[in-house]
Amino acid sequence: MRELYIISMSDKKAFILRLDPKKLKALEKWASDEFRSTNGQIEYILDQALRKAGRLKFSGSDLTENKKEGVE
């Protein structure tokens, strides 16, 4: 079963992403089709790619660490 972890906005870092208009339009359509925001879709795609490449591993201990630090 897939677990859901919530990360607060204060844990996220903002940055500028430049996309050509065709890619942005396609990404917005894809996000809409899956009932996500464009930003949420980008995060989802990056998360899946990082996990597939073995570059990101997320365990329950990550959530425990956040709770200890008072992050909800």
PDB file of N, CA and C in Angstrom:
ATOM      1  N   MET A   1       0.829  -1.181   0.000  1.00  0.00           N
ATOM      2  CA  MET A   1       0.000   0.000   0.000  1.00  0.00           C
ATOM      3  C   MET A   1       0.876   1.247   0.000  1.00  0.00           C
ATOM      4  N   ARG A   2       0.463   2.237  -0.745  1.00  0.00           N
ATOM      5  CA  ARG A   2       1.220   3.470  -0.863  1.00  0.00           C
ATOM      6  C   ARG A   2       0.937   4.375   0.322  1.00  0.00           C
ATOM      7  N   GLU A   3       1.988   4.930   0.927  1.00  0.00           N
ATOM      8  CA  GLU A   3       1.833   5.812   2.072  1.00  0.00           C
ATOM      9  C   GLU A   3       1.877   7.257   1.627  1.00  0.00           C
ATOM     10  N   LEU A   4       1.191   8.131   2.335  1.00  0.00           N
ATOM     11  CA  LEU A   4       1.146   9.544   2.026  1.00  0.00           C
ATOM     12  C   LEU A   4       1.920  10.307   3.088  1.00  0.00           C
ATOM     13  N   TYR A   5       2.866  11.132   2.647  1.00  0.00           N
ATOM     14  CA  TYR A   5       3.627  11.970   3.552  1.00  0.00           C
ATOM     15  C   TYR A   5       3.358  13.417   3.194  1.00  0.00           C
ATOM     16  N   ILE A   6       3.140  14.244   4.195  1.00  0.00           N
ATOM     17  CA  ILE A   6       2.845  15.650   3.969  1.00  0.00           C
ATOM     18  C   ILE A   6       4.052  16.473   4.389  1.00  0.00           C
ATOM     19  N   ILE A   7       4.490  17.321   3.480  1.00  0.00           N
ATOM     20  CA  ILE A   7       5.625  18.206   3.743  1.00  0.00           C
ATOM     21  C   ILE A   7       5.097  19.635   3.725  1.00  0.00           C
ATOM     22  N   SER A   8       5.422  20.404   4.738  1.00  0.00           N
ATOM     23  CA  SER A   8       4.909  21.767   4.807  1.00  0.00           C
ATOM     24  C   SER A   8       5.580  22.653   3.760  1.00  0.00           C
ATOM     25  N   MET A   9       4.907  23.744   3.419  1.00  0.00           N
ATOM     26  CA  MET A   9       5.434  24.681   2.425  1.00  0.00           C
ATOM     27  C   MET A   9       6.770  25.258   2.870  1.00  0.00           C
ATOM     28  N   SER A  10       6.984  25.393   4.174  1.00  0.00           N
ATOM     29  CA  SER A  10       8.243  25.954   4.659  1.00  0.00           C
ATOM     30  C   SER A  10       9.422  25.017   4.386  1.00  0.00           C
ATOM     31  N   ASP A  11       9.140  23.743   4.098  1.00  0.00           N
ATOM     32  CA  ASP A  11      10.194  22.787   3.786  1.00  0.00           C
ATOM     33  C   ASP A  11      10.565  22.801   2.307  1.00  0.00           C
ATOM     34  N   LYS A  12       9.836  23.545   1.502  1.00  0.00           N
ATOM     35  CA  LYS A  12      10.070  23.564   0.061  1.00  0.00           C
ATOM     36  C   LYS A  12      10.853  24.794  -0.338  1.00  0.00           C
ATOM     37  N   LYS A  13      11.671  24.649  -1.368  1.00  0.00           N
ATOM     38  CA  LYS A  13      12.468  25.755  -1.869  1.00  0.00           C
ATOM     39  C   LYS A  13      11.919  26.182  -3.219  1.00  0.00           C
ATOM     40  N   ALA A  14      11.678  27.453  -3.373  1.00  0.00           N
ATOM     41  CA  ALA A  14      11.159  27.991  -4.632  1.00  0.00           C
ATOM     42  C   ALA A  14      12.310  28.254  -5.603  1.00  0.00           C
ATOM     43  N   PHE A  15      12.045  28.008  -6.879  1.00  0.00           N
ATOM     44  CA  PHE A  15      13.014  28.354  -7.910  1.00  0.00           C
ATOM     45  C   PHE A  15      12.274  28.594  -9.220  1.00  0.00           C
ATOM     46  N   ILE A  16      12.941  29.273 -10.133  1.00  0.00           N
ATOM     47  CA  ILE A  16      12.327  29.602 -11.414  1.00  0.00           C
ATOM     48  C   ILE A  16      12.616  28.492 -12.413  1.00  0.00           C
ATOM     49  N   LEU A  17      11.589  28.108 -13.143  1.00  0.00           N
ATOM     50  CA  LEU A  17      11.722  27.082 -14.180  1.00  0.00           C
ATOM     51  C   LEU A  17      11.259  27.691 -15.496  1.00  0.00           C
ATOM     52  N   ARG A  18      12.128  27.702 -16.483  1.00  0.00           N
ATOM     53  CA  ARG A  18      11.764  28.236 -17.786  1.00  0.00           C
ATOM     54  C   ARG A  18      11.420  27.091 -18.727  1.00  0.00           C
ATOM     55  N   LEU A  19      10.227  27.143 -19.304  1.00  0.00           N
ATOM     56  CA  LEU A  19       9.769  26.129 -20.251  1.00  0.00           C
ATOM     57  C   LEU A  19       9.295  26.821 -21.517  1.00  0.00           C
ATOM     58  N   ASP A  20       9.454  26.128 -22.636  1.00  0.00           N
ATOM     59  CA  ASP A  20       8.881  26.710 -23.851  1.00  0.00           C
ATOM     60  C   ASP A  20       7.358  26.578 -23.767  1.00  0.00           C
ATOM     61  N   PRO A  21       6.638  27.464 -24.430  1.00  0.00           N
ATOM     62  CA  PRO A  21       5.175  27.503 -24.301  1.00  0.00           C
ATOM     63  C   PRO A  21       4.471  26.187 -24.652  1.00  0.00           C
ATOM     64  N   LYS A  22       4.968  25.442 -25.617  1.00  0.00           N
ATOM     65  CA  LYS A  22       4.330  24.174 -25.989  1.00  0.00           C
ATOM     66  C   LYS A  22       4.436  23.153 -24.869  1.00  0.00           C
ATOM     67  N   LYS A  23       5.608  23.075 -24.254  1.00  0.00           N
ATOM     68  CA  LYS A  23       5.783  22.134 -23.138  1.00  0.00           C
ATOM     69  C   LYS A  23       4.925  22.543 -21.945  1.00  0.00           C
ATOM     70  N   LEU A  24       4.860  23.836 -21.664  1.00  0.00           N
ATOM     71  CA  LEU A  24       4.052  24.306 -20.550  1.00  0.00           C
ATOM     72  C   LEU A  24       2.578  23.996 -20.791  1.00  0.00           C
ATOM     73  N   LYS A  25       2.099  24.236 -21.986  1.00  0.00           N
ATOM     74  CA  LYS A  25       0.703  23.951 -22.320  1.00  0.00           C
ATOM     75  C   LYS A  25       0.398  22.458 -22.152  1.00  0.00           C
ATOM     76  N   ALA A  26       1.302  21.594 -22.639  1.00  0.00           N
ATOM     77  CA  ALA A  26       1.118  20.149 -22.506  1.00  0.00           C
ATOM     78  C   ALA A  26       1.131  19.731 -21.031  1.00  0.00           C
ATOM     79  N   LEU A  27       2.028  20.324 -20.257  1.00  0.00           N
ATOM     80  CA  LEU A  27       2.125  20.017 -18.834  1.00  0.00           C
ATOM     81  C   LEU A  27       0.865  20.467 -18.088  1.00  0.00           C
ATOM     82  N   GLU A  28       0.354  21.638 -18.416  1.00  0.00           N
ATOM     83  CA  GLU A  28      -0.870  22.131 -17.789  1.00  0.00           C
ATOM     84  C   GLU A  28      -2.056  21.222 -18.117  1.00  0.00           C
ATOM     85  N   LYS A  29      -2.139  20.755 -19.336  1.00  0.00           N
ATOM     86  CA  LYS A  29      -3.222  19.851 -19.748  1.00  0.00           C
ATOM     87  C   LYS A  29      -3.123  18.533 -18.994  1.00  0.00           C
ATOM     88  N   TRP A  30      -1.901  17.995 -18.923  1.00  0.00           N
ATOM     89  CA  TRP A  30      -1.660  16.734 -18.211  1.00  0.00           C
ATOM     90  C   TRP A  30      -2.059  16.882 -16.743  1.00  0.00           C
ATOM     91  N   ALA A  31      -1.629  17.983 -16.117  1.00  0.00           N
ATOM     92  CA  ALA A  31      -1.964  18.225 -14.712  1.00  0.00           C
ATOM     93  C   ALA A  31      -3.476  18.293 -14.527  1.00  0.00           C
ATOM     94  N   SER A  32      -4.141  19.002 -15.407  1.00  0.00           N
ATOM     95  CA  SER A  32      -5.588  19.128 -15.335  1.00  0.00           C
ATOM     96  C   SER A  32      -6.278  17.774 -15.478  1.00  0.00           C
ATOM     97  N   ASP A  33      -5.789  16.964 -16.400  1.00  0.00           N
ATOM     98  CA  ASP A  33      -6.353  15.627 -16.611  1.00  0.00           C
ATOM     99  C   ASP A  33      -6.248  14.753 -15.365  1.00  0.00           C
ATOM    100  N   GLU A  34      -5.224  14.997 -14.548  1.00  0.00           N
ATOM    101  CA  GLU A  34      -5.004  14.194 -13.342  1.00  0.00           C
ATOM    102  C   GLU A  34      -5.412  14.938 -12.062  1.00  0.00           C
ATOM    103  N   PHE A  35      -6.155  16.043 -12.240  1.00  0.00           N
ATOM    104  CA  PHE A  35      -6.668  16.827 -11.113  1.00  0.00           C
ATOM    105  C   PHE A  35      -5.559  17.304 -10.174  1.00  0.00           C
ATOM    106  N   ARG A  36      -4.460  17.769 -10.770  1.00  0.00           N
ATOM    107  CA  ARG A  36      -3.342  18.335 -10.007  1.00  0.00           C
ATOM    108  C   ARG A  36      -3.089  19.760 -10.486  1.00  0.00           C
ATOM    109  N   SER A  37      -2.413  20.530  -9.655  1.00  0.00           N
ATOM    110  CA  SER A  37      -1.918  21.830 -10.107  1.00  0.00           C
ATOM    111  C   SER A  37      -0.717  21.561 -11.010  1.00  0.00           C
ATOM    112  N   THR A  38      -0.324  22.557 -11.775  1.00  0.00           N
ATOM    113  CA  THR A  38       0.850  22.392 -12.630  1.00  0.00           C
ATOM    114  C   THR A  38       2.074  22.119 -11.764  1.00  0.00           C
ATOM    115  N   ASN A  39       2.214  22.854 -10.668  1.00  0.00           N
ATOM    116  CA  ASN A  39       3.333  22.633  -9.767  1.00  0.00           C
ATOM    117  C   ASN A  39       3.296  21.220  -9.185  1.00  0.00           C
ATOM    118  N   GLY A  40       2.110  20.771  -8.784  1.00  0.00           N
ATOM    119  CA  GLY A  40       1.961  19.420  -8.248  1.00  0.00           C
ATOM    120  C   GLY A  40       2.334  18.363  -9.271  1.00  0.00           C
ATOM    121  N   GLN A  41       1.988  18.606 -10.534  1.00  0.00           N
ATOM    122  CA  GLN A  41       2.327  17.659 -11.599  1.00  0.00           C
ATOM    123  C   GLN A  41       3.833  17.593 -11.803  1.00  0.00           C
ATOM    124  N   ILE A  42       4.494  18.745 -11.792  1.00  0.00           N
ATOM    125  CA  ILE A  42       5.957  18.770 -11.940  1.00  0.00           C
ATOM    126  C   ILE A  42       6.601  17.997 -10.796  1.00  0.00           C
ATOM    127  N   GLU A  43       6.138  18.229  -9.564  1.00  0.00           N
ATOM    128  CA  GLU A  43       6.680  17.499  -8.420  1.00  0.00           C
ATOM    129  C   GLU A  43       6.455  15.998  -8.560  1.00  0.00           C
ATOM    130  N   TYR A  44       5.270  15.610  -9.003  1.00  0.00           N
ATOM    131  CA  TYR A  44       4.950  14.189  -9.186  1.00  0.00           C
ATOM    132  C   TYR A  44       5.888  13.557 -10.225  1.00  0.00           C
ATOM    133  N   ILE A  45       6.063  14.215 -11.347  1.00  0.00           N
ATOM    134  CA  ILE A  45       6.934  13.698 -12.413  1.00  0.00           C
ATOM    135  C   ILE A  45       8.369  13.575 -11.919  1.00  0.00           C
ATOM    136  N   LEU A  46       8.855  14.608 -11.236  1.00  0.00           N
ATOM    137  CA  LEU A  46      10.223  14.567 -10.713  1.00  0.00           C
ATOM    138  C   LEU A  46      10.389  13.462  -9.675  1.00  0.00           C
ATOM    139  N   ASP A  47       9.408  13.321  -8.796  1.00  0.00           N
ATOM    140  CA  ASP A  47       9.447  12.278  -7.773  1.00  0.00           C
ATOM    141  C   ASP A  47       9.538  10.890  -8.410  1.00  0.00           C
ATOM    142  N   GLN A  48       8.687  10.640  -9.398  1.00  0.00           N
ATOM    143  CA  GLN A  48       8.685   9.339 -10.073  1.00  0.00           C
ATOM    144  C   GLN A  48      10.012   9.081 -10.781  1.00  0.00           C
ATOM    145  N   ALA A  49      10.541  10.090 -11.464  1.00  0.00           N
ATOM    146  CA  ALA A  49      11.814   9.937 -12.182  1.00  0.00           C
ATOM    147  C   ALA A  49      12.969   9.686 -11.213  1.00  0.00           C
ATOM    148  N   LEU A  50      12.992  10.418 -10.099  1.00  0.00           N
ATOM    149  CA  LEU A  50      14.062  10.242  -9.112  1.00  0.00           C
ATOM    150  C   LEU A  50      14.006   8.861  -8.458  1.00  0.00           C
ATOM    151  N   ARG A  51      12.817   8.394  -8.153  1.00  0.00           N
ATOM    152  CA  ARG A  51      12.671   7.054  -7.565  1.00  0.00           C
ATOM    153  C   ARG A  51      13.091   5.974  -8.558  1.00  0.00           C
ATOM    154  N   LYS A  52      12.648   6.118  -9.814  1.00  0.00           N
ATOM    155  CA  LYS A  52      12.986   5.138 -10.845  1.00  0.00           C
ATOM    156  C   LYS A  52      14.499   5.056 -11.064  1.00  0.00           C
ATOM    157  N   ALA A  53      15.169   6.199 -10.975  1.00  0.00           N
ATOM    158  CA  ALA A  53      16.617   6.250 -11.171  1.00  0.00           C
ATOM    159  C   ALA A  53      17.390   5.852  -9.909  1.00  0.00           C
ATOM    160  N   GLY A  54      16.664   5.600  -8.813  1.00  0.00           N
ATOM    161  CA  GLY A  54      17.325   5.225  -7.568  1.00  0.00           C
ATOM    162  C   GLY A  54      17.987   6.393  -6.872  1.00  0.00           C
ATOM    163  N   ARG A  55      17.564   7.598  -7.208  1.00  0.00           N
ATOM    164  CA  ARG A  55      18.166   8.805  -6.634  1.00  0.00           C
ATOM    165  C   ARG A  55      17.416   9.330  -5.421  1.00  0.00           C
ATOM    166  N   LEU A  56      16.207   8.812  -5.184  1.00  0.00           N
ATOM    167  CA  LEU A  56      15.395   9.285  -4.074  1.00  0.00           C
ATOM    168  C   LEU A  56      14.780   8.092  -3.372  1.00  0.00           C
ATOM    169  N   LYS A  57      15.054   8.005  -2.097  1.00  0.00           N
ATOM    170  CA  LYS A  57      14.437   6.967  -1.285  1.00  0.00           C
ATOM    171  C   LYS A  57      13.770   7.670  -0.123  1.00  0.00           C
ATOM    172  N   PHE A  58      12.511   7.378   0.115  1.00  0.00           N
ATOM    173  CA  PHE A  58      11.748   8.015   1.182  1.00  0.00           C
ATOM    174  C   PHE A  58      11.246   6.932   2.110  1.00  0.00           C
ATOM    175  N   SER A  59      11.586   7.058   3.370  1.00  0.00           N
ATOM    176  CA  SER A  59      11.163   6.045   4.328  1.00  0.00           C
ATOM    177  C   SER A  59      10.351   6.690   5.442  1.00  0.00           C
ATOM    178  N   GLY A  60       9.751   5.882   6.245  1.00  0.00           N
ATOM    179  CA  GLY A  60       8.973   6.368   7.375  1.00  0.00           C
ATOM    180  C   GLY A  60       9.827   7.155   8.353  1.00  0.00           C
ATOM    181  N   SER A  61      11.131   6.878   8.407  1.00  0.00           N
ATOM    182  CA  SER A  61      12.001   7.609   9.322  1.00  0.00           C
ATOM    183  C   SER A  61      12.098   9.076   8.936  1.00  0.00           C
ATOM    184  N   ASP A  62      11.942   9.395   7.632  1.00  0.00           N
ATOM    185  CA  ASP A  62      11.949  10.789   7.203  1.00  0.00           C
ATOM    186  C   ASP A  62      10.784  11.532   7.840  1.00  0.00           C
ATOM    187  N   LEU A  63       9.636  10.893   7.900  1.00  0.00           N
ATOM    188  CA  LEU A  63       8.455  11.492   8.514  1.00  0.00           C
ATOM    189  C   LEU A  63       8.676  11.659  10.015  1.00  0.00           C
ATOM    190  N   THR A  64       9.274  10.665  10.643  1.00  0.00           N
ATOM    191  CA  THR A  64       9.559  10.731  12.080  1.00  0.00           C
ATOM    192  C   THR A  64      10.484  11.895  12.382  1.00  0.00           C
ATOM    193  N   GLU A  65      11.512  12.102  11.554  1.00  0.00           N
ATOM    194  CA  GLU A  65      12.436  13.212  11.748  1.00  0.00           C
ATOM    195  C   GLU A  65      11.679  14.538  11.696  1.00  0.00           C
ATOM    196  N   ASN A  66      10.782  14.683  10.722  1.00  0.00           N
ATOM    197  CA  ASN A  66      10.007  15.918  10.586  1.00  0.00           C
ATOM    198  C   ASN A  66       9.141  16.144  11.813  1.00  0.00           C
ATOM    199  N   LYS A  67       8.522  15.094  12.346  1.00  0.00           N
ATOM    200  CA  LYS A  67       7.677  15.228  13.539  1.00  0.00           C
ATOM    201  C   LYS A  67       8.507  15.694  14.726  1.00  0.00           C
ATOM    202  N   LYS A  68       9.742  15.161  14.854  1.00  0.00           N
ATOM    203  CA  LYS A  68      10.600  15.537  15.959  1.00  0.00           C
ATOM    204  C   LYS A  68      10.943  17.021  15.897  1.00  0.00           C
ATOM    205  N   GLU A  69      11.078  17.532  14.656  1.00  0.00           N
ATOM    206  CA  GLU A  69      11.441  18.940  14.472  1.00  0.00           C
ATOM    207  C   GLU A  69      10.226  19.841  14.526  1.00  0.00           C
ATOM    208  N   GLY A  70       9.043  19.278  14.745  1.00  0.00           N
ATOM    209  CA  GLY A  70       7.833  20.070  14.832  1.00  0.00           C
ATOM    210  C   GLY A  70       7.209  20.385  13.494  1.00  0.00           C
ATOM    211  N   VAL A  71       7.640  19.713  12.431  1.00  0.00           N
ATOM    212  CA  VAL A  71       7.067  19.941  11.102  1.00  0.00           C
ATOM    213  C   VAL A  71       5.845  19.060  10.963  1.00  0.00           C
ATOM    214  N   GLU A  72       4.749  19.641  10.583  1.00  0.00           N
ATOM    215  CA  GLU A  72       3.507  18.882  10.412  1.00  0.00           C
ATOM    216  C   GLU A  72       3.244  18.626   8.964  1.00  0.00           C
TER     217      GLU A  72
END
